[in-house]
């Protein structure tokens, strides 16, 4: 779909974003009880985003977002396999949550004011700090996004990318055209086929999407980061307990990394004399009870799935196929932004 121009595009994108607001969920009841009765968590994920959510040839899902869903299942059921993964397009994801098709989204969704206040949703935390940028062909000889005047840019419909590109062009007085496609794969395929001069996406995602091109070495990611993209799990409004369970599942993975607790030593760490470790592992106090969970809820998470650092490294880090640096996604003690409240 080609837009008539940047100004008209902005108006169309905002209208599309606000349209589902009338379907906001409001009061949902006790979703934790419903999940227990059903025996599985319905987790909305991206259909094919390596490092975040991706099924293999057998239909087994892996990725940073997938691990969060499995951690939630471990906390509730003591079984990380009790998740039903529901692949959703960017356009469909929020409606699926609003209508109860899924219990949560763990789908590389950016936390923004409109989504937080208008759509009847609640972001339960940030599991990846990102920022958007551009990829172009090396043959164009472009070294900066400021040289994209007059360019056509491929982007995915129903995402913050659309508005971010429009804002960037407007801010720098550049003329350009945004060409949008329904899914991420469609957008990168269109770019690869030469239907656009540039492809816009989260910068970590650009590194991932570049691997899907016929000749990845012929494409370069430009140095500018044009936006803030805090990505995290999303739930519907109206169920504080479910919101708390999802939020503290993420926090437990972060706190476990900070305390040096991982899959390999979780059992041994239950004998630790460190009071913070004992509270997190459930050997001192019963902090799971306030969430409607067992006292060893965090131990279940770490022993089955691991801490945040292990999940990042396995799916996105240097030991993975993607080889990304932690960067902003390091703990606050290591120069990053991740910082979880204590269990106490």
Foldseek 3Di string as FASTA:
>chain_A
DWDPFLVVLVVVQVCLQQVLLVLAAAADPAVLVVCVVVQAFEEEEADDQFQQWYADPVRDIAHLLLLLQLLLCCLNPLGSVRYDYDHDWLSCVLVCQSVVVGQKYSYLAFDDDCVPPRNQKHFLFFLDKWFKFKKFFVVVVDQAPLPQAAWEEEEEGNGCQSVLVSVVCVVSVGTYIYDYDHHPVVRLVCVLVPVTRMYMDTPLSVLRSLVVHPDSVRMDIHDDGRGIGGTGMMHGPNHVLSSVSSNVSQLLLAVCVVVVHAQVCLVVLCPDPPPLSVQSQLVPDQLCVVSVTGSRSSSSSRNVRIHSVVSSCDGQDCVHPSHDDCAQVDPVVVVHPDDHDGRD
